[in-house]
Amino acid sequence: MQVGRLAIQRILEGNGYELTASDVIDAYDRFMAAAERLGEAASARNDMLAMLAKAQQTAAPFSDTLTRQCSR
């Protein structure tokens, strides 16, 4: 779960090579799957929403895509 969170954080910081929205959605889905297995889905989703709120202030890449995924 920590690796997934770090991957998403790095993506929002603009790191990565030729990433697509599909790559970002896949990273989020895997992060949430790990959180669910650990019984921390609600906490992980809240953490992601907080990270995205901060990212949207800086117009981070893929922040809109991830926000839509979190809203599902």
C-alpha atoms as a PDB file:
ATOM      1  CA  MET A   1       0.000   0.000   0.000  1.00  0.00           C
ATOM      2  CA  GLN A   2       2.833   2.396   0.832  1.00  0.00           C
ATOM      3  CA  VAL A   3       4.474   1.725  -2.528  1.00  0.00           C
ATOM      4  CA  GLY A   4       1.209   2.469  -4.315  1.00  0.00           C
ATOM      5  CA  ARG A   5       0.774   5.718  -2.424  1.00  0.00           C
ATOM      6  CA  LEU A   6       4.331   6.748  -3.225  1.00  0.00           C
ATOM      7  CA  ALA A   7       3.827   5.916  -6.907  1.00  0.00           C
ATOM      8  CA  ILE A   8       0.735   8.109  -7.061  1.00  0.00           C
ATOM      9  CA  GLN A   9       2.492  10.899  -5.200  1.00  0.00           C
ATOM     10  CA  ARG A  10       5.375  10.798  -7.697  1.00  0.00           C
ATOM     11  CA  ILE A  11       2.947  10.825 -10.622  1.00  0.00           C
ATOM     12  CA  LEU A  12       1.234  13.912  -9.198  1.00  0.00           C
ATOM     13  CA  GLU A  13       4.654  15.548  -8.845  1.00  0.00           C
ATOM     14  CA  GLY A  14       5.175  15.087 -12.574  1.00  0.00           C
ATOM     15  CA  ASN A  15       7.541  12.141 -12.455  1.00  0.00           C
ATOM     16  CA  GLY A  16       7.225   9.285 -14.890  1.00  0.00           C
ATOM     17  CA  TYR A  17       7.819   8.666 -18.546  1.00  0.00           C
ATOM     18  CA  GLU A  18       4.987   8.895 -21.068  1.00  0.00           C
ATOM     19  CA  LEU A  19       2.301   8.073 -18.531  1.00  0.00           C
ATOM     20  CA  THR A  20      -1.302   7.825 -19.642  1.00  0.00           C
ATOM     21  CA  ALA A  21      -4.535   8.188 -17.722  1.00  0.00           C
ATOM     22  CA  SER A  22      -4.846   4.404 -17.884  1.00  0.00           C
ATOM     23  CA  ASP A  23      -1.501   4.020 -16.074  1.00  0.00           C
ATOM     24  CA  VAL A  24      -2.655   6.373 -13.344  1.00  0.00           C
ATOM     25  CA  ILE A  25      -5.996   4.622 -12.923  1.00  0.00           C
ATOM     26  CA  ASP A  26      -4.205   1.278 -12.700  1.00  0.00           C
ATOM     27  CA  ALA A  27      -1.885   2.622  -9.974  1.00  0.00           C
ATOM     28  CA  TYR A  28      -4.878   3.937  -8.023  1.00  0.00           C
ATOM     29  CA  ASP A  29      -6.815   0.683  -8.389  1.00  0.00           C
ATOM     30  CA  ARG A  30      -3.851  -1.330  -7.120  1.00  0.00           C
ATOM     31  CA  PHE A  31      -3.356   1.090  -4.215  1.00  0.00           C
ATOM     32  CA  MET A  32      -6.995   0.726  -3.221  1.00  0.00           C
ATOM     33  CA  ALA A  33      -6.931  -3.065  -3.633  1.00  0.00           C
ATOM     34  CA  ALA A  34      -4.006  -3.226  -1.203  1.00  0.00           C
ATOM     35  CA  ALA A  35      -5.810  -0.907   1.211  1.00  0.00           C
ATOM     36  CA  GLU A  36      -8.925  -3.078   1.072  1.00  0.00           C
ATOM     37  CA  ARG A  37      -6.896  -6.214   1.801  1.00  0.00           C
ATOM     38  CA  LEU A  38      -5.448  -4.461   4.848  1.00  0.00           C
ATOM     39  CA  GLY A  39      -8.850  -3.204   5.985  1.00  0.00           C
ATOM     40  CA  GLU A  40      -7.824   0.418   5.445  1.00  0.00           C
ATOM     41  CA  ALA A  41      -9.869   1.382   2.396  1.00  0.00           C
ATOM     42  CA  ALA A  42     -11.655   4.342   3.999  1.00  0.00           C
ATOM     43  CA  SER A  43      -8.442   5.730   5.439  1.00  0.00           C
ATOM     44  CA  ALA A  44      -6.592   5.251   2.144  1.00  0.00           C
ATOM     45  CA  ARG A  45      -9.349   6.989   0.186  1.00  0.00           C
ATOM     46  CA  ASN A  46      -9.327   9.940   2.601  1.00  0.00           C
ATOM     47  CA  ASP A  47      -5.538  10.131   2.335  1.00  0.00           C
ATOM     48  CA  MET A  48      -5.800  10.126  -1.450  1.00  0.00           C
ATOM     49  CA  LEU A  49      -8.447  12.867  -1.433  1.00  0.00           C
ATOM     50  CA  ALA A  50      -6.218  15.020   0.798  1.00  0.00           C
ATOM     51  CA  MET A  51      -3.264  14.422  -1.510  1.00  0.00           C
ATOM     52  CA  LEU A  52      -5.397  15.326  -4.527  1.00  0.00           C
ATOM     53  CA  ALA A  53      -6.717  18.522  -2.928  1.00  0.00           C
ATOM     54  CA  LYS A  54      -3.147  19.681  -2.505  1.00  0.00           C
ATOM     55  CA  ALA A  55      -2.184  18.523  -6.018  1.00  0.00           C
ATOM     56  CA  GLN A  56      -5.046  20.389  -7.660  1.00  0.00           C
ATOM     57  CA  GLN A  57      -3.769  23.659  -6.229  1.00  0.00           C
ATOM     58  CA  THR A  58      -0.634  23.219  -8.325  1.00  0.00           C
ATOM     59  CA  ALA A  59      -2.434  21.785 -11.378  1.00  0.00           C
ATOM     60  CA  ALA A  60      -0.618  18.491 -10.944  1.00  0.00           C
ATOM     61  CA  PRO A  61      -0.740  16.123 -13.894  1.00  0.00           C
ATOM     62  CA  PHE A  62      -3.543  13.557 -13.724  1.00  0.00           C
ATOM     63  CA  SER A  63      -5.064  15.080 -10.571  1.00  0.00           C
ATOM     64  CA  ASP A  64      -8.439  15.389 -12.318  1.00  0.00           C
ATOM     65  CA  THR A  65      -8.266  11.764 -13.455  1.00  0.00           C
ATOM     66  CA  LEU A  66      -7.522  10.566  -9.935  1.00  0.00           C
ATOM     67  CA  THR A  67     -10.215  12.768  -8.425  1.00  0.00           C
ATOM     68  CA  ARG A  68     -12.782  11.137 -10.716  1.00  0.00           C
ATOM     69  CA  GLN A  69     -11.523   7.690  -9.696  1.00  0.00           C
ATOM     70  CA  CYS A  70     -11.829   8.543  -5.991  1.00  0.00           C
ATOM     71  CA  SER A  71     -15.387   9.724  -6.522  1.00  0.00           C
ATOM     72  CA  ARG A  72     -16.534   6.355  -7.813  1.00  0.00           C
END
